[in-house]
Amino acid sequence: MNRQPHLAHDAMHYQRDEFDDYIDQGQAYPKLSEDMITRARTYGEIHDFAAGDYLFRVGEREVSLFVILEGAVDIMESDGHGGDALVVTHERNEFTGELDQLSGRAVLVCAKAVAPTKVIRIDRAKFTLLVRSENDIGELIMRSLIMRRVGMIQNAEGGTLIVGSLNSADTLRIQGFLTRNGYPYRFLDTDLDPEAADALNHFHAESRKLPIVILDGLRVFDCPSNRQIAEQLGLHEKTDPTHVFDVVVVGAGPAGLAAAVYSASEGLDTLVIELFGPGGQAGSSSRIENYLGFPMGISGQALASRAQVQAQRFGSRLIVARAATKLDCDGFPYKVHLDDGDYVTARSIVIATGARYRRLDVPDLNRFEGRGVHYAATALEGRLCNNSEVVVIGGGNSAGQASLFLSRTAKHVHLLIRRNGLEATMSDYLIQRILDARAITVHTQCEVVGLIGQASLEAVRWRQPSIKESEQKASNLFSMIGAVPNTDWLDGCVALDKSGFVETGRQWDPNGTLSQFACSIPGVFAVGDVRSQSIKRVASSVGEGSVVVHAVHGWLARQ
């Protein structure tokens, strides 16, 4: 079995805990037993390929799973120069496939028979049935597909290349979008990497707007939007307004993903709509240490990635890079309008759009967002803070986790809070670690009054009672204050409280069932941070997303 080694690019190391697994070649490329092969045959059909025939090519959707019975199949990815690079050669009793097998998205690799080859071809629908029905085969295949994707992320050397500066807000946006969606890429920093200059010269960068995204070493896009990236990479889902889903979940944070997992696992036709990528606000957390079942903690993105795979395993579909702009609740079934003019139709709606951090009320904030001011503290942003002073604003758990995470690499972290102390807003385990950290200083009763810098942030000015204004040199500021609900698209349809959060706990009719997640419109539910008076915790959001499916079932049964 030929396993071509890859050299991991240093810009990709931050994604290594995507599934908290190391790449075990035996588990990434296992062989099925003869008994497993016999059972797999019942889910597919036998096909023969001549040497040189392609089983599938890069960019194809809804690709089948192929189990090799005789012969051999090369798996190849783009070499970044318009050609192909060998990833692995599959032989007898091995199988093709990668995580896109579950989602039906455009595949990242191609497969070519290197000798006369006989296979079992299992289409995507039968493949998902196989994974659910044959537990031992399903577990082996799922672990393999996850590890293969992690390996591609760690060792990406071609396919998708980003060339730009880490001081660019658009560079961070594009990297963040691909990271959230578990997509492998290579990054060249124009400020540090000599190879970046060669790439820019080759593609005539003087006439282009940085950052540029290069696909397959051939197609070049100037500062593309997230939607353009999704369309070019095949991450987008086609919508069919005539298809009526049982459930449309709007938002892929912990609550939305939990709702997707439980609704799809119970046989409901489920679609998830997400603007940026799985994880929501929790996806910006570097480490969640008090989530049940993970004694060593887990990053928000790793948790979201696992949940996404789990939802797709049960058949849930996911739309990314498209925002819900309006809920049409005047007729039934309901319609969710999207920002590209399309809409999707559903018998029930689960609102899980969460909340976002409040923006600072300081001059020039827009100029510094993405150029020193951030609303997430993942490893992507953490790389910007090496050996520099940074400021974190906020007294909640997210701010505490961010401070501890950034203190590993930053010269010093200044944690600014409005209260006299952390006890009322932060978990004790975080408080004790922060107080013990020599690289963190807590500043109480603070109000940020100014941001200073030219091309990027250079210093932060804040005010404290009885103390004149302080000015601290800082390369980056992380704002994690308050919560603003993402409910603009609901205005005029469901009842909101005075702060804009969705009111729930409504009874629809005299014979209806009261649900704490039911909105003012029958068949519409809200879960997680977007819900009025919800507990703003990841575990609580996951619980609400799972429990709401019971109420959804009750509503659908009455239709």
Protein backbone atom coordinates (compact mmCIF):
# COMPACT_ATOMS: atom_id res chain seq x y z
CA MET A 1 0.00 0.00 0.00
CA ASN A 2 1.58 3.28 -1.12
CA ARG A 3 1.27 6.17 1.36
CA GLN A 4 2.84 9.28 -0.06
CA PRO A 5 4.18 11.48 2.77
CA HIS A 6 3.27 15.14 3.02
CA LEU A 7 5.12 17.97 4.73
CA ALA A 8 2.82 19.90 7.05
CA HIS A 9 2.78 23.62 6.33
CA ASP A 10 3.42 25.67 9.47
CA ALA A 11 0.40 27.85 8.76
CA MET A 12 -1.89 24.85 9.17
CA HIS A 13 -0.89 23.64 12.64
CA TYR A 14 -3.69 25.48 14.38
CA GLN A 15 -6.28 23.13 12.90
CA ARG A 16 -4.74 19.97 14.34
CA ASP A 17 -7.29 19.50 17.10
CA GLU A 18 -10.20 19.63 14.65
CA PHE A 19 -11.28 16.22 15.91
CA ASP A 20 -8.69 15.79 18.68
CA ASP A 21 -7.21 12.82 16.86
CA TYR A 22 -3.74 12.11 15.59
CA ILE A 23 -3.44 10.61 12.15
CA ASP A 24 -3.07 6.84 12.51
CA GLN A 25 -2.41 5.47 9.02
CA GLY A 26 -3.96 2.12 9.93
CA GLN A 27 -7.20 3.81 11.00
CA ALA A 28 -7.18 6.35 8.17
CA TYR A 29 -6.75 3.62 5.53
CA PRO A 30 -8.14 0.38 7.00
CA LYS A 31 -9.15 -2.83 5.25
CA LEU A 32 -12.64 -4.27 5.51
CA SER A 33 -12.91 -7.88 6.64
CA GLU A 34 -14.38 -10.49 4.30
CA ASP A 35 -17.57 -10.48 6.38
CA MET A 36 -17.81 -6.71 6.05
CA ILE A 37 -17.28 -6.96 2.30
CA THR A 38 -20.11 -9.50 2.04
CA ARG A 39 -22.50 -7.21 3.90
CA ALA A 40 -21.37 -4.13 1.97
CA ARG A 41 -22.25 -5.86 -1.31
CA THR A 42 -25.96 -5.71 -0.38
CA TYR A 43 -25.83 -1.89 -0.39
CA GLY A 44 -24.21 -1.44 -3.79
CA GLU A 45 -23.53 -2.76 -7.27
CA ILE A 46 -20.47 -4.36 -8.86
CA HIS A 47 -18.64 -2.19 -11.43
CA ASP A 48 -15.52 -2.76 -13.51
CA PHE A 49 -13.02 -0.05 -14.50
CA ALA A 50 -10.20 -0.31 -17.01
CA ALA A 51 -6.72 0.96 -16.18
CA GLY A 52 -6.73 4.74 -16.54
CA ASP A 53 -10.48 5.15 -16.00
CA TYR A 54 -11.58 7.77 -13.46
CA LEU A 55 -13.99 6.68 -10.76
CA PHE A 56 -14.63 10.35 -9.98
CA ARG A 57 -12.94 13.71 -10.49
CA VAL A 58 -12.28 16.78 -8.35
CA GLY A 59 -15.38 18.93 -8.03
CA GLU A 60 -17.98 16.22 -8.64
CA ARG A 61 -20.91 16.09 -6.20
CA GLU A 62 -22.87 13.21 -4.69
CA VAL A 63 -19.90 10.91 -5.27
CA SER A 64 -20.36 7.21 -4.48
CA LEU A 65 -18.25 5.15 -2.09
CA PHE A 66 -16.13 2.53 -3.86
CA VAL A 67 -14.93 -0.65 -2.14
CA ILE A 68 -11.99 -2.24 -3.99
CA LEU A 69 -12.46 -5.94 -4.72
CA GLU A 70 -9.67 -6.36 -7.28
CA GLY A 71 -7.03 -4.03 -8.71
CA ALA A 72 -5.93 -0.66 -7.33
CA VAL A 73 -7.10 2.97 -7.31
CA ASP A 74 -4.93 6.10 -7.02
CA ILE A 75 -6.34 9.01 -5.02
CA MET A 76 -4.92 12.35 -6.18
CA GLU A 77 -5.28 15.98 -5.17
CA SER A 78 -4.28 19.16 -6.98
CA ASP A 79 -0.54 19.88 -6.79
CA GLY A 80 -1.27 23.61 -6.87
CA HIS A 81 0.21 23.98 -10.36
CA GLY A 82 -2.57 22.60 -12.53
CA GLY A 83 -1.54 18.97 -12.13
CA ASP A 84 -2.17 16.12 -9.68
CA ALA A 85 -0.23 14.81 -6.70
CA LEU A 86 -0.63 11.26 -5.39
CA VAL A 87 -2.20 11.02 -1.94
CA VAL A 88 -2.66 7.29 -1.53
CA THR A 89 -3.20 4.09 -3.51
CA HIS A 90 -6.15 1.95 -2.40
CA GLU A 91 -5.89 -1.80 -2.86
CA ARG A 92 -8.05 -4.86 -2.23
CA ASN A 93 -10.66 -4.54 0.58
CA GLU A 94 -9.96 -0.83 1.01
CA PHE A 95 -12.41 1.95 0.16
CA THR A 96 -12.38 5.42 -1.31
CA GLY A 97 -14.02 8.38 0.35
CA GLU A 98 -13.63 11.46 2.51
CA LEU A 99 -15.98 13.61 4.60
CA ASP A 100 -17.61 15.09 1.50
CA GLN A 101 -19.07 11.60 1.08
CA LEU A 102 -21.53 12.52 3.84
CA SER A 103 -22.41 16.05 2.75
CA GLY A 104 -22.67 15.47 -0.99
CA ARG A 105 -20.40 18.48 -1.54
CA ALA A 106 -17.86 18.76 -4.33
CA VAL A 107 -15.03 16.31 -3.60
CA LEU A 108 -11.45 17.52 -3.04
CA VAL A 109 -9.71 14.61 -4.77
CA CYS A 110 -9.99 12.41 -7.85
CA ALA A 111 -9.77 8.62 -8.14
CA LYS A 112 -8.24 6.71 -11.07
CA ALA A 113 -7.89 2.99 -11.62
CA VAL A 114 -4.20 2.08 -12.06
CA ALA A 115 -5.02 -1.46 -13.23
CA PRO A 116 -8.13 -3.33 -14.27
CA THR A 117 -10.26 -2.85 -11.15
CA LYS A 118 -13.48 -4.36 -9.77
CA VAL A 119 -15.38 -2.39 -7.11
CA ILE A 120 -18.59 -2.27 -5.13
CA ARG A 121 -20.18 1.08 -5.98
CA ILE A 122 -22.39 2.39 -3.15
CA ASP A 123 -24.28 5.60 -3.93
CA ARG A 124 -24.58 8.35 -1.31
CA ALA A 125 -28.10 7.42 -0.16
CA LYS A 126 -27.17 3.76 0.31
CA PHE A 127 -23.89 4.80 1.92
CA THR A 128 -25.64 6.80 4.65
CA LEU A 129 -27.95 3.82 5.19
CA LEU A 130 -24.91 1.52 5.46
CA VAL A 131 -23.28 3.75 8.06
CA ARG A 132 -26.44 3.84 10.16
CA SER A 133 -27.37 0.16 9.81
CA GLU A 134 -24.03 -1.68 10.06
CA ASN A 135 -22.53 -0.38 13.28
CA ASP A 136 -19.09 -1.95 13.00
CA ILE A 137 -18.66 -0.97 9.34
CA GLY A 138 -20.09 2.48 10.00
CA GLU A 139 -17.73 3.14 12.91
CA LEU A 140 -14.69 2.01 10.92
CA ILE A 141 -15.61 4.08 7.86
CA MET A 142 -16.56 7.21 9.83
CA ARG A 143 -13.30 7.25 11.77
CA SER A 144 -11.41 6.71 8.54
CA LEU A 145 -13.16 9.58 6.73
CA ILE A 146 -12.60 11.96 9.65
CA MET A 147 -8.92 11.11 9.88
CA ARG A 148 -8.47 11.53 6.14
CA ARG A 149 -9.94 15.04 6.32
CA VAL A 150 -7.77 15.94 9.32
CA GLY A 151 -4.74 14.71 7.39
CA MET A 152 -5.68 16.85 4.40
CA ILE A 153 -6.05 19.90 6.65
CA GLN A 154 -2.72 19.30 8.37
CA ASN A 155 -0.79 18.61 5.21
CA ALA A 156 -2.47 20.81 2.60
CA GLU A 157 0.07 21.59 -0.10
CA GLY A 158 -2.13 22.30 -3.10
CA GLY A 159 -5.70 22.80 -4.11
CA THR A 160 -6.54 26.04 -2.35
CA LEU A 161 -3.91 28.70 -1.73
CA ILE A 162 -4.44 32.05 0.02
CA VAL A 163 -1.87 34.81 -0.57
CA GLY A 164 -2.19 37.90 1.59
CA SER A 165 -1.20 39.66 4.78
CA LEU A 166 -2.26 38.57 8.25
CA ASN A 167 -2.78 42.27 8.96
CA SER A 168 -5.66 42.23 6.46
CA ALA A 169 -9.20 41.80 7.73
CA ASP A 170 -10.15 39.99 4.51
CA THR A 171 -7.28 37.51 4.90
CA LEU A 172 -8.52 36.61 8.39
CA ARG A 173 -12.10 36.41 7.12
CA ILE A 174 -11.22 33.96 4.34
CA GLN A 175 -9.02 31.83 6.62
CA GLY A 176 -11.72 31.80 9.28
CA PHE A 177 -14.41 30.79 6.79
CA LEU A 178 -12.38 27.86 5.44
CA THR A 179 -11.36 26.79 8.95
CA ARG A 180 -14.93 26.85 10.27
CA ASN A 181 -16.03 24.71 7.34
CA GLY A 182 -13.19 22.20 7.78
CA TYR A 183 -11.66 22.96 4.39
CA PRO A 184 -7.91 22.43 3.81
CA TYR A 185 -5.83 25.27 2.41
CA ARG A 186 -2.31 26.63 2.29
CA PHE A 187 -1.47 30.21 3.29
CA LEU A 188 1.40 32.43 2.17
CA ASP A 189 1.95 35.59 4.21
CA THR A 190 3.05 38.47 1.99
CA ASP A 191 4.77 40.07 4.99
CA LEU A 192 6.89 37.06 5.91
CA ASP A 193 6.97 34.30 3.29
CA PRO A 194 9.40 34.62 0.33
CA GLU A 195 7.21 32.24 -1.70
CA ALA A 196 4.41 34.81 -1.54
CA ALA A 197 6.36 37.21 -3.75
CA ASP A 198 6.85 34.49 -6.38
CA ALA A 199 3.14 33.69 -6.34
CA LEU A 200 2.20 37.36 -6.67
CA ASN A 201 4.60 37.87 -9.58
CA HIS A 202 3.30 34.78 -11.34
CA PHE A 203 -0.30 35.98 -11.10
CA HIS A 204 0.45 39.67 -11.82
CA ALA A 205 -0.52 40.90 -8.38
CA GLU A 206 -0.01 44.54 -9.31
CA SER A 207 -3.41 44.45 -11.00
CA ARG A 208 -5.13 42.46 -8.26
CA LYS A 209 -6.72 43.18 -4.90
CA LEU A 210 -5.19 41.20 -2.06
CA PRO A 211 -5.73 38.72 -0.62
CA ILE A 212 -6.01 36.44 -3.61
CA VAL A 213 -7.32 32.87 -3.53
CA ILE A 214 -5.84 30.43 -6.06
CA LEU A 215 -7.65 27.19 -6.85
CA ASP A 216 -5.88 24.25 -8.46
CA GLY A 217 -2.98 26.52 -9.38
CA LEU A 218 -5.05 27.94 -12.22
CA ARG A 219 -8.10 29.94 -11.12
CA VAL A 220 -7.39 33.21 -9.30
CA PHE A 221 -9.94 35.26 -7.35
CA ASP A 222 -9.31 38.75 -6.00
CA CYS A 223 -10.49 39.12 -2.40
CA PRO A 224 -13.52 36.85 -2.92
CA SER A 225 -16.57 36.94 -0.69
CA ASN A 226 -17.42 33.93 1.45
CA ARG A 227 -20.26 33.09 -0.92
CA GLN A 228 -17.93 33.20 -3.94
CA ILE A 229 -15.53 30.86 -2.15
CA ALA A 230 -18.35 28.47 -1.24
CA GLU A 231 -19.59 28.42 -4.83
CA GLN A 232 -16.15 27.87 -6.36
CA LEU A 233 -15.20 25.13 -3.90
CA GLY A 234 -18.56 23.38 -4.11
CA LEU A 235 -19.45 24.08 -0.47
CA HIS A 236 -22.85 25.53 -1.35
CA GLU A 237 -26.09 23.57 -1.47
CA LYS A 238 -28.63 24.03 -4.23
CA THR A 239 -32.07 25.06 -3.00
CA ASP A 240 -35.39 23.81 -4.33
CA PRO A 241 -38.34 25.99 -3.23
CA THR A 242 -40.79 23.24 -4.23
CA HIS A 243 -39.28 20.81 -1.72
CA VAL A 244 -40.92 21.07 1.70
CA PHE A 245 -38.62 20.13 4.59
CA ASP A 246 -39.94 18.80 7.87
CA VAL A 247 -37.56 21.09 9.74
CA VAL A 248 -35.44 24.06 8.73
CA VAL A 249 -32.91 25.04 11.40
CA VAL A 250 -31.55 28.56 11.03
CA GLY A 251 -28.11 28.79 12.64
CA ALA A 252 -25.40 26.15 13.11
CA GLY A 253 -24.18 26.95 16.59
CA PRO A 254 -24.40 24.36 19.39
CA ALA A 255 -28.20 24.69 19.65
CA GLY A 256 -28.80 24.48 15.91
CA LEU A 257 -26.44 21.56 15.39
CA ALA A 258 -28.03 19.67 18.30
CA ALA A 259 -31.47 20.23 16.77
CA ALA A 260 -30.15 19.00 13.42
CA VAL A 261 -28.64 15.84 14.94
CA TYR A 262 -31.76 14.87 16.86
CA SER A 263 -34.29 15.76 14.15
CA ALA A 264 -32.37 13.95 11.41
CA SER A 265 -31.71 10.93 13.64
CA GLU A 266 -35.46 10.62 14.19
CA GLY A 267 -36.14 10.54 10.47
CA LEU A 268 -37.16 14.16 9.90
CA ASP A 269 -36.14 15.79 6.62
CA THR A 270 -33.79 18.46 7.98
CA LEU A 271 -31.98 21.45 6.52
CA VAL A 272 -29.59 23.80 8.35
CA ILE A 273 -28.89 27.35 7.15
CA GLU A 274 -25.64 29.00 8.31
CA LEU A 275 -24.05 32.27 7.18
CA PHE A 276 -20.43 31.67 8.21
CA GLY A 277 -19.72 28.13 9.34
CA PRO A 278 -20.60 25.61 12.07
CA GLY A 279 -19.90 26.64 15.65
CA GLY A 280 -21.64 29.95 16.18
CA GLN A 281 -20.27 32.07 18.99
CA ALA A 282 -19.01 28.92 20.72
CA GLY A 283 -16.86 28.21 17.66
CA SER A 284 -14.72 31.19 18.60
CA SER A 285 -13.78 29.63 21.94
CA SER A 286 -10.25 28.27 22.14
CA ARG A 287 -11.11 25.80 24.89
CA ILE A 288 -14.33 24.80 26.68
CA GLU A 289 -13.30 23.07 29.89
CA ASN A 290 -16.61 22.58 31.72
CA TYR A 291 -18.52 20.71 29.00
CA LEU A 292 -19.71 17.28 30.12
CA GLY A 293 -17.68 14.36 28.80
CA PHE A 294 -14.49 16.25 27.93
CA PRO A 295 -12.37 16.31 31.12
CA MET A 296 -9.42 17.91 29.31
CA GLY A 297 -11.63 20.40 27.51
CA ILE A 298 -12.41 20.81 23.83
CA SER A 299 -12.21 23.75 21.46
CA GLY A 300 -15.50 25.21 20.30
CA GLN A 301 -14.58 24.48 16.70
CA ALA A 302 -13.73 20.84 17.41
CA LEU A 303 -17.06 20.40 19.18
CA ALA A 304 -18.90 21.98 16.24
CA SER A 305 -17.01 19.86 13.70
CA ARG A 306 -17.96 16.66 15.48
CA ALA A 307 -21.60 17.76 15.67
CA GLN A 308 -21.67 18.67 11.97
CA VAL A 309 -20.37 15.23 10.98
CA GLN A 310 -22.88 13.61 13.30
CA ALA A 311 -25.79 15.58 11.78
CA GLN A 312 -24.67 14.75 8.23
CA ARG A 313 -24.30 11.09 9.12
CA PHE A 314 -28.03 11.04 9.89
CA GLY A 315 -28.85 12.82 6.63
CA SER A 316 -29.15 16.47 7.63
CA ARG A 317 -28.26 18.97 4.86
CA LEU A 318 -26.27 22.17 5.47
CA ILE A 319 -26.33 25.46 3.54
CA VAL A 320 -23.35 27.75 4.26
CA ALA A 321 -22.44 31.30 3.23
CA ARG A 322 -26.10 32.23 2.80
CA ALA A 323 -28.04 34.25 5.35
CA ALA A 324 -31.71 34.06 6.25
CA THR A 325 -33.15 37.52 5.57
CA LYS A 326 -36.84 37.00 6.29
CA LEU A 327 -39.24 34.47 7.77
CA ASP A 328 -42.49 34.48 5.83
CA CYS A 329 -45.04 33.28 8.35
CA ASP A 330 -48.19 34.56 6.59
CA GLY A 331 -48.81 31.22 4.88
CA PHE A 332 -48.11 27.56 5.54
CA PRO A 333 -45.75 25.83 4.95
CA TYR A 334 -43.39 28.59 6.07
CA LYS A 335 -40.77 30.16 3.84
CA VAL A 336 -37.27 31.26 4.86
CA HIS A 337 -35.95 33.81 2.38
CA LEU A 338 -32.21 33.88 1.71
CA ASP A 339 -29.91 36.77 0.87
CA ASP A 340 -29.49 35.63 -2.75
CA GLY A 341 -33.20 35.87 -3.49
CA ASP A 342 -33.98 32.15 -3.11
CA TYR A 343 -36.09 30.65 -0.37
CA VAL A 344 -36.62 27.29 1.33
CA THR A 345 -39.92 25.87 2.55
CA ALA A 346 -40.63 23.97 5.78
CA ARG A 347 -43.42 22.66 7.99
CA SER A 348 -41.54 23.78 11.09
CA ILE A 349 -38.77 26.26 11.86
CA VAL A 350 -36.14 26.15 14.61
CA ILE A 351 -34.56 29.57 15.21
CA ALA A 352 -31.01 29.09 16.47
CA THR A 353 -29.28 32.21 15.17
CA GLY A 354 -27.72 32.96 18.56
CA ALA A 355 -26.19 36.27 19.56
CA ARG A 356 -23.07 38.24 18.74
CA TYR A 357 -20.78 40.29 20.94
CA ARG A 358 -21.69 43.95 21.34
CA ARG A 359 -19.43 46.39 19.50
CA LEU A 360 -17.42 48.94 21.44
CA ASP A 361 -18.70 52.52 21.33
CA VAL A 362 -15.38 54.14 20.44
CA PRO A 363 -14.23 56.28 17.49
CA ASP A 364 -12.61 54.56 14.50
CA LEU A 365 -13.76 51.08 15.52
CA ASN A 366 -14.57 50.17 11.90
CA ARG A 367 -11.04 51.02 10.81
CA PHE A 368 -9.48 48.59 13.28
CA GLU A 369 -11.87 45.63 13.00
CA GLY A 370 -9.82 42.79 11.54
CA ARG A 371 -6.70 44.93 11.90
CA GLY A 372 -6.24 44.52 15.61
CA VAL A 373 -9.81 44.34 16.93
CA HIS A 374 -11.34 40.84 17.02
CA TYR A 375 -14.43 39.08 18.36
CA ALA A 376 -12.92 35.58 18.54
CA ALA A 377 -9.78 34.16 20.12
CA THR A 378 -8.97 31.01 18.19
CA ALA A 379 -5.50 29.83 17.23
CA LEU A 380 -5.91 31.81 14.00
CA GLU A 381 -6.05 35.10 15.91
CA GLY A 382 -3.63 33.81 18.52
CA ARG A 383 -0.83 33.68 15.96
CA LEU A 384 -1.09 37.46 15.66
CA CYS A 385 -0.25 37.95 19.33
CA ASN A 386 3.17 36.33 19.63
CA ASN A 387 5.38 38.24 22.07
CA SER A 388 3.11 41.29 22.12
CA GLU A 389 0.81 43.00 24.62
CA VAL A 390 -2.89 42.30 24.06
CA VAL A 391 -6.14 43.51 25.62
CA VAL A 392 -9.24 41.40 26.33
CA ILE A 393 -12.50 43.14 27.27
CA GLY A 394 -15.25 41.26 29.09
CA GLY A 395 -16.03 39.53 32.38
CA GLY A 396 -17.69 36.34 31.15
CA ASN A 397 -16.33 32.86 30.59
CA SER A 398 -15.50 33.57 26.95
CA ALA A 399 -13.25 36.47 27.95
CA GLY A 400 -11.64 34.33 30.65
CA GLN A 401 -10.94 31.48 28.27
CA ALA A 402 -9.55 33.91 25.70
CA SER A 403 -7.23 35.50 28.27
CA LEU A 404 -5.80 32.17 29.36
CA PHE A 405 -5.38 30.96 25.80
CA LEU A 406 -3.67 34.15 24.60
CA SER A 407 -1.38 34.25 27.64
CA ARG A 408 0.45 31.19 26.25
CA THR A 409 1.97 33.19 23.41
CA ALA A 410 1.40 36.89 24.17
CA LYS A 411 3.94 38.89 26.12
CA HIS A 412 1.16 40.01 28.48
CA VAL A 413 -2.64 40.01 28.57
CA HIS A 414 -4.63 42.90 30.06
CA LEU A 415 -8.16 41.79 31.01
CA LEU A 416 -10.52 44.77 31.31
CA ILE A 417 -13.85 44.45 33.14
CA ARG A 418 -16.56 46.97 34.13
CA ARG A 419 -17.29 45.47 37.57
CA ASN A 420 -15.20 45.43 40.74
CA GLY A 421 -14.39 41.75 40.27
CA LEU A 422 -14.99 38.58 38.26
CA GLU A 423 -16.97 36.57 40.80
CA ALA A 424 -20.45 37.55 39.59
CA THR A 425 -19.90 36.73 35.90
CA MET A 426 -17.16 34.10 35.52
CA SER A 427 -16.78 30.48 36.60
CA ASP A 428 -14.55 29.94 39.62
CA TYR A 429 -12.14 27.57 37.87
CA LEU A 430 -11.34 30.29 35.34
CA ILE A 431 -11.01 33.00 37.99
CA GLN A 432 -8.46 30.99 39.97
CA ARG A 433 -6.35 30.27 36.90
CA ILE A 434 -6.45 33.92 35.82
CA LEU A 435 -5.41 35.15 39.25
CA ASP A 436 -2.55 32.65 39.28
CA ALA A 437 -1.36 33.58 35.78
CA ARG A 438 1.67 35.85 35.86
CA ALA A 439 1.06 36.92 32.26
CA ILE A 440 -2.46 38.26 32.96
CA THR A 441 -3.40 41.49 34.74
CA VAL A 442 -7.04 42.20 35.63
CA HIS A 443 -8.09 45.85 35.43
CA THR A 444 -11.44 46.56 37.15
CA GLN A 445 -14.06 49.29 36.56
CA CYS A 446 -12.67 50.02 33.09
CA GLU A 447 -14.20 51.80 30.13
CA VAL A 448 -12.38 51.78 26.80
CA VAL A 449 -12.33 55.30 25.35
CA GLY A 450 -9.95 55.12 22.40
CA LEU A 451 -8.05 53.02 19.87
CA ILE A 452 -4.73 54.22 18.53
CA GLY A 453 -2.82 53.20 15.42
CA GLN A 454 -2.11 53.86 11.77
CA ALA A 455 -2.41 50.80 9.49
CA SER A 456 -3.34 48.57 12.45
CA LEU A 457 -3.93 48.77 16.19
CA GLU A 458 -0.98 50.02 18.23
CA ALA A 459 -2.46 51.03 21.59
CA VAL A 460 -5.67 51.06 23.66
CA ARG A 461 -6.80 53.86 25.97
CA TRP A 462 -9.15 53.23 28.90
CA ARG A 463 -10.61 55.13 31.86
CA GLN A 464 -11.04 54.06 35.51
CA PRO A 465 -12.73 55.95 38.38
CA SER A 466 -10.37 58.24 40.32
CA ILE A 467 -7.56 57.40 37.87
CA LYS A 468 -6.61 59.40 34.85
CA GLU A 469 -6.83 57.68 31.50
CA SER A 470 -4.37 54.83 30.88
CA GLU A 471 -2.77 54.09 27.51
CA GLN A 472 -1.43 50.62 26.89
CA LYS A 473 0.55 49.50 23.86
CA ALA A 474 -1.29 46.57 22.33
CA SER A 475 -1.18 44.82 18.97
CA ASN A 476 -4.62 43.26 19.36
CA LEU A 477 -7.84 43.81 21.29
CA PHE A 478 -10.45 41.08 21.84
CA SER A 479 -13.94 42.41 22.54
CA MET A 480 -16.29 40.00 24.33
CA ILE A 481 -18.89 42.23 25.90
CA GLY A 482 -22.64 41.77 26.10
CA ALA A 483 -24.90 39.95 23.71
CA VAL A 484 -26.89 41.28 20.75
CA PRO A 485 -29.41 38.77 19.31
CA ASN A 486 -29.34 37.91 15.61
CA THR A 487 -33.05 38.49 15.08
CA ASP A 488 -33.26 41.28 12.49
CA TRP A 489 -34.63 38.80 9.96
CA LEU A 490 -37.56 37.97 12.28
CA ASP A 491 -38.89 41.47 12.81
CA GLY A 492 -42.66 41.58 12.30
CA CYS A 493 -43.11 37.81 12.33
CA VAL A 494 -42.47 36.40 15.82
CA ALA A 495 -42.70 38.24 19.13
CA LEU A 496 -39.42 39.65 20.48
CA ASP A 497 -38.66 41.07 23.93
CA LYS A 498 -37.47 44.64 24.44
CA SER A 499 -33.85 43.59 23.85
CA GLY A 500 -34.66 41.79 20.60
CA PHE A 501 -34.48 38.20 21.89
CA VAL A 502 -37.21 35.75 20.82
CA GLU A 503 -40.04 35.30 23.31
CA THR A 504 -40.97 31.66 23.87
CA GLY A 505 -43.27 29.51 25.99
CA ARG A 506 -46.43 30.20 23.95
CA GLN A 507 -49.47 27.91 23.70
CA TRP A 508 -50.83 27.82 20.15
CA ASP A 509 -54.49 26.83 20.67
CA PRO A 510 -56.80 25.50 23.39
CA ASN A 511 -55.80 21.91 22.56
CA GLY A 512 -52.14 22.65 21.89
CA THR A 513 -49.15 21.48 23.91
CA LEU A 514 -47.26 24.13 25.82
CA SER A 515 -43.55 24.17 24.98
CA GLN A 516 -40.98 26.46 26.55
CA PHE A 517 -39.37 26.77 23.10
CA ALA A 518 -42.55 27.61 21.14
CA CYS A 519 -42.70 31.10 19.62
CA SER A 520 -45.76 33.27 19.03
CA ILE A 521 -46.30 31.56 15.65
CA PRO A 522 -47.37 27.87 15.65
CA GLY A 523 -44.66 25.52 14.42
CA VAL A 524 -41.86 28.03 15.00
CA PHE A 525 -39.42 27.42 17.86
CA ALA A 526 -36.37 29.18 19.29
CA VAL A 527 -33.42 27.61 21.10
CA GLY A 528 -30.08 28.70 22.50
CA ASP A 529 -28.77 32.20 23.02
CA VAL A 530 -31.34 33.78 20.69
CA ARG A 531 -34.15 32.80 23.06
CA SER A 532 -35.29 35.32 25.67
CA GLN A 533 -34.12 34.49 29.20
CA SER A 534 -32.02 31.53 28.06
CA ILE A 535 -28.91 30.51 29.98
CA LYS A 536 -25.92 31.57 27.91
CA ARG A 537 -23.92 28.35 28.16
CA VAL A 538 -22.87 25.83 25.50
CA ALA A 539 -24.29 22.87 27.43
CA SER A 540 -27.61 24.65 27.86
CA SER A 541 -27.81 25.44 24.15
CA VAL A 542 -27.06 21.83 23.22
CA GLY A 543 -29.75 20.66 25.63
CA GLU A 544 -32.34 23.03 24.22
CA GLY A 545 -31.51 22.02 20.65
CA SER A 546 -32.01 18.36 21.46
CA VAL A 547 -35.16 18.75 23.57
CA VAL A 548 -36.97 21.02 21.09
CA VAL A 549 -37.26 18.12 18.63
CA HIS A 550 -39.90 16.56 20.90
CA ALA A 551 -42.05 19.68 20.48
CA VAL A 552 -41.37 19.70 16.73
CA HIS A 553 -42.61 16.12 16.50
CA GLY A 554 -45.77 17.09 18.37
CA TRP A 555 -46.42 19.94 15.98
CA LEU A 556 -45.80 17.87 12.85
CA ALA A 557 -48.04 15.07 14.12
CA ARG A 558 -50.94 17.54 14.34
CA GLN A 559 -50.50 18.52 10.68
